[in-house]
Amino acid sequence: GYHAYQHIAIRVDNIDAFITAMQSKGVQFLSPLYERTDPFGKVKQIF
């Protein structure tokens, strides 16, 4: 439907440790971890 929420993004401190912990418990990710730099510094994102 129209204006449906596709995804919600949660901010995480130490996303690398988060991903490792989740994968060890069977959580599955759609994408690899993407890294980029914005005017404030490094940004990391994963779906």
All heavy atoms as atom14 arrays in JSON, in Angstrom:
{
  "sequence": "GYHAYQHIAIRVDNIDAFITAMQSKGVQFLSPLYERTDPFGKVKQIF",
  "atom14_mask": [
    [1, 1, 1, 1, 0, 0, 0, 0, 0, 0, 0, 0, 0, 0],
    [1, 1, 1, 1, 1, 1, 1, 1, 1, 1, 1, 1, 0, 0],
    [1, 1, 1, 1, 1, 1, 1, 1, 1, 1, 0, 0, 0, 0],
    [1, 1, 1, 1, 1, 0, 0, 0, 0, 0, 0, 0, 0, 0],
    [1, 1, 1, 1, 1, 1, 1, 1, 1, 1, 1, 1, 0, 0],
    [1, 1, 1, 1, 1, 1, 1, 1, 1, 0, 0, 0, 0, 0],
    [1, 1, 1, 1, 1, 1, 1, 1, 1, 1, 0, 0, 0, 0],
    [1, 1, 1, 1, 1, 1, 1, 1, 0, 0, 0, 0, 0, 0],
    [1, 1, 1, 1, 1, 0, 0, 0, 0, 0, 0, 0, 0, 0],
    [1, 1, 1, 1, 1, 1, 1, 1, 0, 0, 0, 0, 0, 0],
    [1, 1, 1, 1, 1, 1, 1, 1, 1, 1, 1, 0, 0, 0],
    [1, 1, 1, 1, 1, 1, 1, 0, 0, 0, 0, 0, 0, 0],
    [1, 1, 1, 1, 1, 1, 1, 1, 0, 0, 0, 0, 0, 0],
    [1, 1, 1, 1, 1, 1, 1, 1, 0, 0, 0, 0, 0, 0],
    [1, 1, 1, 1, 1, 1, 1, 1, 0, 0, 0, 0, 0, 0],
    [1, 1, 1, 1, 1, 1, 1, 1, 0, 0, 0, 0, 0, 0],
    [1, 1, 1, 1, 1, 0, 0, 0, 0, 0, 0, 0, 0, 0],
    [1, 1, 1, 1, 1, 1, 1, 1, 1, 1, 1, 0, 0, 0],
    [1, 1, 1, 1, 1, 1, 1, 1, 0, 0, 0, 0, 0, 0],
    [1, 1, 1, 1, 1, 1, 1, 0, 0, 0, 0, 0, 0, 0],
    [1, 1, 1, 1, 1, 0, 0, 0, 0, 0, 0, 0, 0, 0],
    [1, 1, 1, 1, 1, 1, 1, 1, 0, 0, 0, 0, 0, 0],
    [1, 1, 1, 1, 1, 1, 1, 1, 1, 0, 0, 0, 0, 0],
    [1, 1, 1, 1, 1, 1, 0, 0, 0, 0, 0, 0, 0, 0],
    [1, 1, 1, 1, 1, 1, 1, 1, 1, 0, 0, 0, 0, 0],
    [1, 1, 1, 1, 0, 0, 0, 0, 0, 0, 0, 0, 0, 0],
    [1, 1, 1, 1, 1, 1, 1, 0, 0, 0, 0, 0, 0, 0],
    [1, 1, 1, 1, 1, 1, 1, 1, 1, 0, 0, 0, 0, 0],
    [1, 1, 1, 1, 1, 1, 1, 1, 1, 1, 1, 0, 0, 0],
    [1, 1, 1, 1, 1, 1, 1, 1, 0, 0, 0, 0, 0, 0],
    [1, 1, 1, 1, 1, 1, 0, 0, 0, 0, 0, 0, 0, 0],
    [1, 1, 1, 1, 1, 1, 1, 0, 0, 0, 0, 0, 0, 0],
    [1, 1, 1, 1, 1, 1, 1, 1, 0, 0, 0, 0, 0, 0],
    [1, 1, 1, 1, 1, 1, 1, 1, 1, 1, 1, 1, 0, 0],
    [1, 1, 1, 1, 1, 1, 1, 1, 1, 0, 0, 0, 0, 0],
    [1, 1, 1, 1, 1, 1, 1, 1, 1, 1, 1, 0, 0, 0],
    [1, 1, 1, 1, 1, 1, 1, 0, 0, 0, 0, 0, 0, 0],
    [1, 1, 1, 1, 1, 1, 1, 1, 0, 0, 0, 0, 0, 0],
    [1, 1, 1, 1, 1, 1, 1, 0, 0, 0, 0, 0, 0, 0],
    [1, 1, 1, 1, 1, 1, 1, 1, 1, 1, 1, 0, 0, 0],
    [1, 1, 1, 1, 0, 0, 0, 0, 0, 0, 0, 0, 0, 0],
    [1, 1, 1, 1, 1, 1, 1, 1, 1, 0, 0, 0, 0, 0],
    [1, 1, 1, 1, 1, 1, 1, 0, 0, 0, 0, 0, 0, 0],
    [1, 1, 1, 1, 1, 1, 1, 1, 1, 0, 0, 0, 0, 0],
    [1, 1, 1, 1, 1, 1, 1, 1, 1, 0, 0, 0, 0, 0],
    [1, 1, 1, 1, 1, 1, 1, 1, 0, 0, 0, 0, 0, 0],
    [1, 1, 1, 1, 1, 1, 1, 1, 1, 1, 1, 0, 0, 0]
  ],
  "atom14_positions": [
    [[0.8, -1.21, 0.0], [0.0, 0.0, 0.0], [0.83, 1.26, 0.0], [2.04, 1.26, 0.23], [0.0, 0.0, 0.0], [0.0, 0.0, 0.0], [0.0, 0.0, 0.0], [0.0, 0.0, 0.0], [0.0, 0.0, 0.0], [0.0, 0.0, 0.0], [0.0, 0.0, 0.0], [0.0, 0.0, 0.0], [0.0, 0.0, 0.0], [0.0, 0.0, 0.0]],
    [[0.13, 2.36, -0.23], [0.77, 3.67, -0.39], [1.37, 4.14, 0.93], [0.77, 4.02, 1.99], [-0.26, 4.65, -0.89], [0.32, 5.98, -1.3], [0.96, 6.11, -2.53], [0.27, 7.07, -0.45], [1.51, 7.32, -2.92], [0.81, 8.28, -0.83], [1.43, 8.4, -2.06], [1.98, 9.59, -2.44], [0.0, 0.0, 0.0], [0.0, 0.0, 0.0]],
    [[2.58, 4.71, 0.88], [3.29, 5.26, 2.05], [3.56, 4.17, 3.08], [3.6, 4.42, 4.29], [2.49, 6.41, 2.69], [3.33, 7.35, 3.51], [3.82, 7.01, 4.74], [3.75, 8.61, 3.28], [4.52, 8.02, 5.25], [4.5, 9.01, 4.36], [0.0, 0.0, 0.0], [0.0, 0.0, 0.0], [0.0, 0.0, 0.0], [0.0, 0.0, 0.0]],
    [[3.75, 2.94, 2.63], [4.07, 1.84, 3.55], [5.52, 1.94, 4.0], [6.4, 2.36, 3.25], [3.84, 0.5, 2.85], [0.0, 0.0, 0.0], [0.0, 0.0, 0.0], [0.0, 0.0, 0.0], [0.0, 0.0, 0.0], [0.0, 0.0, 0.0], [0.0, 0.0, 0.0], [0.0, 0.0, 0.0], [0.0, 0.0, 0.0], [0.0, 0.0, 0.0]],
    [[5.77, 1.54, 5.25], [7.12, 1.59, 5.81], [7.92, 0.38, 5.35], [7.63, -0.74, 5.73], [7.05, 1.64, 7.34], [6.56, 2.97, 7.84], [5.19, 3.22, 7.97], [7.45, 4.0, 8.13], [4.73, 4.45, 8.4], [7.0, 5.23, 8.56], [5.64, 5.46, 8.7], [5.18, 6.68, 9.11], [0.0, 0.0, 0.0], [0.0, 0.0, 0.0]],
    [[8.92, 0.64, 4.53], [9.75, -0.45, 4.0], [10.75, -0.95, 5.03], [10.95, -2.13, 5.21], [10.5, 0.01, 2.75], [11.32, -1.09, 2.1], [12.41, -0.55, 1.2], [13.18, 0.33, 1.61], [12.46, -1.03, -0.02], [0.0, 0.0, 0.0], [0.0, 0.0, 0.0], [0.0, 0.0, 0.0], [0.0, 0.0, 0.0], [0.0, 0.0, 0.0]],
    [[11.44, -0.01, 5.68], [12.37, -0.44, 6.72], [12.57, 0.64, 7.77], [12.34, 1.82, 7.53], [13.72, -0.87, 6.14], [14.57, 0.21, 5.58], [14.52, 0.62, 4.26], [15.52, 1.0, 6.16], [15.39, 1.58, 4.05], [16.01, 1.84, 5.2], [0.0, 0.0, 0.0], [0.0, 0.0, 0.0], [0.0, 0.0, 0.0], [0.0, 0.0, 0.0]],
    [[12.97, 0.19, 8.94], [13.33, 1.07, 10.05], [14.81, 0.86, 10.32], [15.29, -0.27, 10.38], [12.51, 0.75, 11.31], [11.03, 1.05, 11.05], [13.03, 1.54, 12.51], [10.12, 0.63, 12.18], [0.0, 0.0, 0.0], [0.0, 0.0, 0.0], [0.0, 0.0, 0.0], [0.0, 0.0, 0.0], [0.0, 0.0, 0.0], [0.0, 0.0, 0.0]],
    [[15.54, 1.96, 10.46], [16.97, 1.89, 10.74], [17.22, 2.2, 12.22], [16.7, 3.18, 12.76], [17.74, 2.88, 9.87], [0.0, 0.0, 0.0], [0.0, 0.0, 0.0], [0.0, 0.0, 0.0], [0.0, 0.0, 0.0], [0.0, 0.0, 0.0], [0.0, 0.0, 0.0], [0.0, 0.0, 0.0], [0.0, 0.0, 0.0], [0.0, 0.0, 0.0]],
    [[18.0, 1.34, 12.86], [18.36, 1.48, 14.26], [19.83, 1.87, 14.35], [20.68, 1.26, 13.69], [18.14, 0.15, 15.02], [16.72, -0.39, 14.78], [18.43, 0.33, 16.5], [15.63, 0.5, 15.28], [0.0, 0.0, 0.0], [0.0, 0.0, 0.0], [0.0, 0.0, 0.0], [0.0, 0.0, 0.0], [0.0, 0.0, 0.0], [0.0, 0.0, 0.0]],
    [[20.13, 2.87, 15.16], [21.51, 3.27, 15.33], [22.2, 2.38, 16.36], [21.64, 2.07, 17.41], [21.62, 4.74, 15.75], [22.96, 5.36, 15.43], [22.96, 6.84, 15.69], [21.81, 7.48, 15.06], [21.35, 8.66, 15.41], [21.91, 9.35, 16.38], [20.32, 9.18, 14.77], [0.0, 0.0, 0.0], [0.0, 0.0, 0.0], [0.0, 0.0, 0.0]],
    [[23.42, 1.96, 16.01], [24.17, 1.02, 16.84], [25.56, 1.56, 17.12], [26.19, 2.16, 16.24], [24.3, -0.36, 16.12], [25.05, -1.35, 16.99], [22.93, -0.9, 15.74], [0.0, 0.0, 0.0], [0.0, 0.0, 0.0], [0.0, 0.0, 0.0], [0.0, 0.0, 0.0], [0.0, 0.0, 0.0], [0.0, 0.0, 0.0], [0.0, 0.0, 0.0]],
    [[26.01, 1.37, 18.34], [27.4, 1.67, 18.68], [28.22, 0.39, 18.52], [27.84, -0.66, 19.05], [27.49, 2.17, 20.12], [28.93, 2.47, 20.53], [29.61, 3.22, 19.81], [29.37, 1.93, 21.56], [0.0, 0.0, 0.0], [0.0, 0.0, 0.0], [0.0, 0.0, 0.0], [0.0, 0.0, 0.0], [0.0, 0.0, 0.0], [0.0, 0.0, 0.0]],
    [[29.31, 0.45, 17.75], [30.17, -0.71, 17.45], [29.4, -1.75, 16.62], [29.14, -2.87, 17.06], [30.73, -1.35, 18.71], [31.9, -2.28, 18.41], [32.23, -2.55, 17.24], [32.54, -2.79, 19.46], [0.0, 0.0, 0.0], [0.0, 0.0, 0.0], [0.0, 0.0, 0.0], [0.0, 0.0, 0.0], [0.0, 0.0, 0.0], [0.0, 0.0, 0.0]],
    [[29.07, -1.35, 15.4], [28.25, -2.21, 14.54], [28.98, -3.49, 14.14], [28.36, -4.53, 13.94], [27.76, -1.42, 13.3], [26.6, -2.15, 12.61], [28.91, -1.17, 12.33], [25.92, -1.33, 11.54], [0.0, 0.0, 0.0], [0.0, 0.0, 0.0], [0.0, 0.0, 0.0], [0.0, 0.0, 0.0], [0.0, 0.0, 0.0], [0.0, 0.0, 0.0]],
    [[30.31, -3.44, 14.06], [31.06, -4.65, 13.71], [30.85, -5.73, 14.77], [30.62, -6.91, 14.44], [32.54, -4.33, 13.56], [32.82, -3.38, 12.42], [32.97, -3.86, 11.28], [32.86, -2.17, 12.65], [0.0, 0.0, 0.0], [0.0, 0.0, 0.0], [0.0, 0.0, 0.0], [0.0, 0.0, 0.0], [0.0, 0.0, 0.0], [0.0, 0.0, 0.0]],
    [[30.94, -5.34, 16.05], [30.72, -6.29, 17.13], [29.27, -6.78, 17.15], [29.0, -7.95, 17.42], [31.07, -5.66, 18.47], [0.0, 0.0, 0.0], [0.0, 0.0, 0.0], [0.0, 0.0, 0.0], [0.0, 0.0, 0.0], [0.0, 0.0, 0.0], [0.0, 0.0, 0.0], [0.0, 0.0, 0.0], [0.0, 0.0, 0.0], [0.0, 0.0, 0.0]],
    [[28.34, -5.88, 16.83], [26.93, -6.24, 16.77], [26.69, -7.31, 15.71], [26.01, -8.32, 15.96], [26.1, -4.99, 16.46], [24.68, -5.27, 16.06], [23.74, -5.66, 16.99], [24.29, -5.16, 14.73], [22.43, -5.93, 16.61], [22.98, -5.42, 14.35], [22.06, -5.8, 15.3], [0.0, 0.0, 0.0], [0.0, 0.0, 0.0], [0.0, 0.0, 0.0]],
    [[27.23, -7.1, 14.51], [27.05, -8.06, 13.42], [27.63, -9.42, 13.79], [26.99, -10.46, 13.59], [27.68, -7.53, 12.12], [26.92, -6.29, 11.63], [27.69, -8.6, 11.03], [27.62, -5.53, 10.52], [0.0, 0.0, 0.0], [0.0, 0.0, 0.0], [0.0, 0.0, 0.0], [0.0, 0.0, 0.0], [0.0, 0.0, 0.0], [0.0, 0.0, 0.0]],
    [[28.83, -9.42, 14.33], [29.47, -10.69, 14.73], [28.61, -11.42, 15.76], [28.39, -12.63, 15.66], [30.87, -10.42, 15.31], [31.68, -9.82, 14.29], [31.52, -11.7, 15.78], [0.0, 0.0, 0.0], [0.0, 0.0, 0.0], [0.0, 0.0, 0.0], [0.0, 0.0, 0.0], [0.0, 0.0, 0.0], [0.0, 0.0, 0.0], [0.0, 0.0, 0.0]],
    [[28.1, -10.67, 16.75], [27.28, -11.28, 17.8], [25.98, -11.83, 17.23], [25.55, -12.94, 17.58], [26.99, -10.26, 18.89], [0.0, 0.0, 0.0], [0.0, 0.0, 0.0], [0.0, 0.0, 0.0], [0.0, 0.0, 0.0], [0.0, 0.0, 0.0], [0.0, 0.0, 0.0], [0.0, 0.0, 0.0], [0.0, 0.0, 0.0], [0.0, 0.0, 0.0]],
    [[25.34, -11.08, 16.34], [24.07, -11.53, 15.77], [24.26, -12.75, 14.87], [23.47, -13.71, 14.91], [23.42, -10.4, 14.97], [22.95, -9.22, 15.8], [21.76, -9.65, 17.09], [22.84, -9.73, 18.54], [0.0, 0.0, 0.0], [0.0, 0.0, 0.0], [0.0, 0.0, 0.0], [0.0, 0.0, 0.0], [0.0, 0.0, 0.0], [0.0, 0.0, 0.0]],
    [[25.29, -12.74, 14.05], [25.54, -13.88, 13.17], [25.86, -15.14, 13.96], [25.49, -16.24, 13.55], [26.68, -13.55, 12.19], [26.27, -12.54, 11.12], [27.4, -12.15, 10.2], [28.57, -12.14, 10.59], [27.08, -11.81, 8.96], [0.0, 0.0, 0.0], [0.0, 0.0, 0.0], [0.0, 0.0, 0.0], [0.0, 0.0, 0.0], [0.0, 0.0, 0.0]],
    [[26.49, -14.99, 15.1], [26.79, -16.16, 15.94], [25.51, -16.77, 16.52], [25.51, -17.93, 16.93], [27.73, -15.76, 17.09], [27.06, -14.98, 18.07], [0.0, 0.0, 0.0], [0.0, 0.0, 0.0], [0.0, 0.0, 0.0], [0.0, 0.0, 0.0], [0.0, 0.0, 0.0], [0.0, 0.0, 0.0], [0.0, 0.0, 0.0], [0.0, 0.0, 0.0]],
    [[24.42, -15.99, 16.52], [23.14, -16.47, 17.02], [22.16, -16.8, 15.9], [20.97, -17.03, 16.15], [22.53, -15.43, 17.97], [23.38, -15.16, 19.21], [22.77, -14.1, 20.08], [23.65, -13.78, 21.28], [23.83, -14.94, 22.16], [0.0, 0.0, 0.0], [0.0, 0.0, 0.0], [0.0, 0.0, 0.0], [0.0, 0.0, 0.0], [0.0, 0.0, 0.0]],
    [[22.65, -16.8, 14.66], [21.82, -17.22, 13.54], [21.09, -16.11, 12.81], [20.36, -16.37, 11.85], [0.0, 0.0, 0.0], [0.0, 0.0, 0.0], [0.0, 0.0, 0.0], [0.0, 0.0, 0.0], [0.0, 0.0, 0.0], [0.0, 0.0, 0.0], [0.0, 0.0, 0.0], [0.0, 0.0, 0.0], [0.0, 0.0, 0.0], [0.0, 0.0, 0.0]],
    [[21.25, -14.86, 13.24], [20.59, -13.74, 12.55], [21.21, -13.59, 11.16], [22.43, -13.7, 10.99], [20.75, -12.43, 13.36], [20.26, -11.23, 12.56], [19.99, -12.53, 14.67], [0.0, 0.0, 0.0], [0.0, 0.0, 0.0], [0.0, 0.0, 0.0], [0.0, 0.0, 0.0], [0.0, 0.0, 0.0], [0.0, 0.0, 0.0], [0.0, 0.0, 0.0]],
    [[20.35, -13.34, 10.16], [20.81, -13.27, 8.78], [20.67, -11.86, 8.21], [19.66, -11.19, 8.44], [20.02, -14.25, 7.91], [20.17, -15.7, 8.37], [19.54, -16.67, 7.39], [19.98, -16.8, 6.26], [18.5, -17.35, 7.82], [0.0, 0.0, 0.0], [0.0, 0.0, 0.0], [0.0, 0.0, 0.0], [0.0, 0.0, 0.0], [0.0, 0.0, 0.0]],
    [[21.7, -11.45, 7.47], [21.71, -10.12, 6.88], [21.57, -10.22, 5.37], [22.06, -11.15, 4.74], [23.0, -9.39, 7.26], [23.08, -9.05, 8.73], [23.68, -9.92, 9.62], [22.5, -7.9, 9.21], [23.73, -9.63, 10.97], [22.54, -7.59, 10.55], [23.16, -8.45, 11.44], [0.0, 0.0, 0.0], [0.0, 0.0, 0.0], [0.0, 0.0, 0.0]],
    [[20.92, -9.2, 4.82], [20.66, -9.17, 3.37], [21.87, -8.66, 2.6], [22.18, -9.14, 1.52], [19.43, -8.29, 3.13], [18.89, -8.11, 1.73], [17.4, -7.78, 1.81], [19.6, -7.02, 0.97], [0.0, 0.0, 0.0], [0.0, 0.0, 0.0], [0.0, 0.0, 0.0], [0.0, 0.0, 0.0], [0.0, 0.0, 0.0], [0.0, 0.0, 0.0]],
    [[22.54, -7.65, 3.16], [23.64, -6.99, 2.45], [24.94, -7.16, 3.21], [24.94, -7.51, 4.39], [23.34, -5.49, 2.3], [23.47, -4.84, 3.56], [0.0, 0.0, 0.0], [0.0, 0.0, 0.0], [0.0, 0.0, 0.0], [0.0, 0.0, 0.0], [0.0, 0.0, 0.0], [0.0, 0.0, 0.0], [0.0, 0.0, 0.0], [0.0, 0.0, 0.0]],
    [[26.06, -6.86, 2.56], [27.31, -6.73, 3.31], [27.29, -5.42, 4.1], [26.36, -4.61, 3.96], [28.38, -6.68, 2.21], [27.66, -6.14, 1.03], [26.25, -6.66, 1.12], [0.0, 0.0, 0.0], [0.0, 0.0, 0.0], [0.0, 0.0, 0.0], [0.0, 0.0, 0.0], [0.0, 0.0, 0.0], [0.0, 0.0, 0.0], [0.0, 0.0, 0.0]],
    [[28.28, -5.21, 4.92], [28.42, -3.95, 5.64], [29.03, -2.92, 4.7], [30.11, -3.11, 4.15], [29.32, -4.13, 6.86], [29.56, -2.87, 7.72], [28.26, -2.41, 8.38], [30.63, -3.15, 8.77], [0.0, 0.0, 0.0], [0.0, 0.0, 0.0], [0.0, 0.0, 0.0], [0.0, 0.0, 0.0], [0.0, 0.0, 0.0], [0.0, 0.0, 0.0]],
    [[28.31, -1.82, 4.5], [28.8, -0.75, 3.64], [29.42, 0.36, 4.49], [28.87, 0.72, 5.54], [27.66, -0.16, 2.81], [27.07, -1.12, 1.81], [25.77, -1.58, 1.94], [27.82, -1.56, 0.73], [25.23, -2.46, 1.02], [27.29, -2.44, -0.2], [26.0, -2.89, -0.06], [25.47, -3.76, -0.96], [0.0, 0.0, 0.0], [0.0, 0.0, 0.0]],
    [[30.53, 0.9, 4.03], [31.19, 1.99, 4.73], [31.36, 3.18, 3.8], [31.65, 3.01, 2.61], [32.57, 1.56, 5.25], [32.51, 0.42, 6.26], [33.88, 0.12, 6.86], [34.73, 1.04, 6.91], [34.1, -1.03, 7.26], [0.0, 0.0, 0.0], [0.0, 0.0, 0.0], [0.0, 0.0, 0.0], [0.0, 0.0, 0.0], [0.0, 0.0, 0.0]],
    [[31.17, 4.36, 4.32], [31.37, 5.59, 3.56], [31.77, 6.68, 4.53], [31.71, 6.5, 5.75], [30.11, 5.98, 2.79], [28.91, 6.23, 3.69], [27.65, 6.46, 2.88], [26.47, 6.58, 3.71], [26.07, 7.71, 4.29], [26.76, 8.81, 4.11], [24.99, 7.75, 5.04], [0.0, 0.0, 0.0], [0.0, 0.0, 0.0], [0.0, 0.0, 0.0]],
    [[32.16, 7.82, 3.99], [32.54, 8.95, 4.82], [31.65, 10.14, 4.49], [31.49, 10.49, 3.32], [34.02, 9.33, 4.59], [34.84, 8.2, 4.92], [34.41, 10.5, 5.47], [0.0, 0.0, 0.0], [0.0, 0.0, 0.0], [0.0, 0.0, 0.0], [0.0, 0.0, 0.0], [0.0, 0.0, 0.0], [0.0, 0.0, 0.0], [0.0, 0.0, 0.0]],
    [[31.04, 10.73, 5.51], [30.27, 11.95, 5.31], [31.0, 13.1, 6.01], [32.1, 12.9, 6.54], [28.82, 11.76, 5.78], [28.67, 11.71, 7.29], [29.66, 11.95, 8.02], [27.55, 11.45, 7.76], [0.0, 0.0, 0.0], [0.0, 0.0, 0.0], [0.0, 0.0, 0.0], [0.0, 0.0, 0.0], [0.0, 0.0, 0.0], [0.0, 0.0, 0.0]],
    [[30.47, 14.32, 6.0], [31.2, 15.44, 6.6], [31.51, 15.29, 8.09], [32.33, 16.02, 8.63], [30.25, 16.63, 6.37], [29.48, 16.25, 5.16], [29.27, 14.78, 5.27], [0.0, 0.0, 0.0], [0.0, 0.0, 0.0], [0.0, 0.0, 0.0], [0.0, 0.0, 0.0], [0.0, 0.0, 0.0], [0.0, 0.0, 0.0], [0.0, 0.0, 0.0]],
    [[30.86, 14.33, 8.75], [31.08, 14.13, 10.19], [32.03, 12.97, 10.48], [32.45, 12.79, 11.61], [29.75, 13.9, 10.89], [28.79, 15.04, 10.75], [27.81, 15.02, 9.78], [28.89, 16.15, 11.57], [26.93, 16.07, 9.63], [28.02, 17.22, 11.43], [27.04, 17.18, 10.45], [0.0, 0.0, 0.0], [0.0, 0.0, 0.0], [0.0, 0.0, 0.0]],
    [[32.34, 12.16, 9.48], [33.21, 11.02, 9.69], [32.69, 9.77, 9.0], [31.92, 9.84, 8.04], [0.0, 0.0, 0.0], [0.0, 0.0, 0.0], [0.0, 0.0, 0.0], [0.0, 0.0, 0.0], [0.0, 0.0, 0.0], [0.0, 0.0, 0.0], [0.0, 0.0, 0.0], [0.0, 0.0, 0.0], [0.0, 0.0, 0.0], [0.0, 0.0, 0.0]],
    [[33.09, 8.6, 9.51], [32.76, 7.32, 8.87], [31.36, 6.85, 9.27], [30.97, 6.9, 10.44], [33.79, 6.26, 9.26], [33.58, 4.92, 8.56], [34.67, 3.92, 8.89], [35.96, 4.31, 8.2], [37.01, 3.27, 8.36], [0.0, 0.0, 0.0], [0.0, 0.0, 0.0], [0.0, 0.0, 0.0], [0.0, 0.0, 0.0], [0.0, 0.0, 0.0]],
    [[30.62, 6.39, 8.27], [29.28, 5.83, 8.47], [29.3, 4.37, 8.01], [29.87, 4.05, 6.96], [28.21, 6.6, 7.66], [26.83, 6.02, 7.9], [28.25, 8.07, 7.99], [0.0, 0.0, 0.0], [0.0, 0.0, 0.0], [0.0, 0.0, 0.0], [0.0, 0.0, 0.0], [0.0, 0.0, 0.0], [0.0, 0.0, 0.0], [0.0, 0.0, 0.0]],
    [[28.67, 3.5, 8.79], [28.56, 2.08, 8.43], [27.08, 1.69, 8.43], [26.35, 2.05, 9.35], [29.34, 1.2, 9.41], [30.83, 1.49, 9.44], [31.54, 0.56, 10.43], [33.04, 0.82, 10.47], [33.73, -0.11, 11.41], [0.0, 0.0, 0.0], [0.0, 0.0, 0.0], [0.0, 0.0, 0.0], [0.0, 0.0, 0.0], [0.0, 0.0, 0.0]],
    [[26.68, 0.93, 7.41], [25.28, 0.53, 7.27], [25.18, -0.92, 6.8], [25.99, -1.37, 6.0], [24.58, 1.41, 6.23], [24.52, 2.89, 6.57], [24.11, 3.71, 5.36], [24.96, 4.13, 4.56], [22.81, 3.95, 5.2], [0.0, 0.0, 0.0], [0.0, 0.0, 0.0], [0.0, 0.0, 0.0], [0.0, 0.0, 0.0], [0.0, 0.0, 0.0]],
    [[24.14, -1.6, 7.3], [23.88, -2.96, 6.84], [22.37, -3.21, 6.89], [21.68, -2.7, 7.77], [24.64, -4.01, 7.7], [24.57, -5.4, 7.03], [24.11, -4.05, 9.14], [25.51, -6.4, 7.67], [0.0, 0.0, 0.0], [0.0, 0.0, 0.0], [0.0, 0.0, 0.0], [0.0, 0.0, 0.0], [0.0, 0.0, 0.0], [0.0, 0.0, 0.0]],
    [[21.86, -3.97, 5.91], [20.46, -4.37, 5.88], [20.34, -5.81, 6.37], [21.14, -6.67, 5.99], [19.91, -4.31, 4.45], [19.71, -2.93, 3.92], [19.93, -2.65, 2.58], [19.29, -1.9, 4.73], [19.74, -1.38, 2.06], [19.1, -0.61, 4.23], [19.32, -0.36, 2.89], [0.0, 0.0, 0.0], [0.0, 0.0, 0.0], [0.0, 0.0, 0.0]]
  ]
}
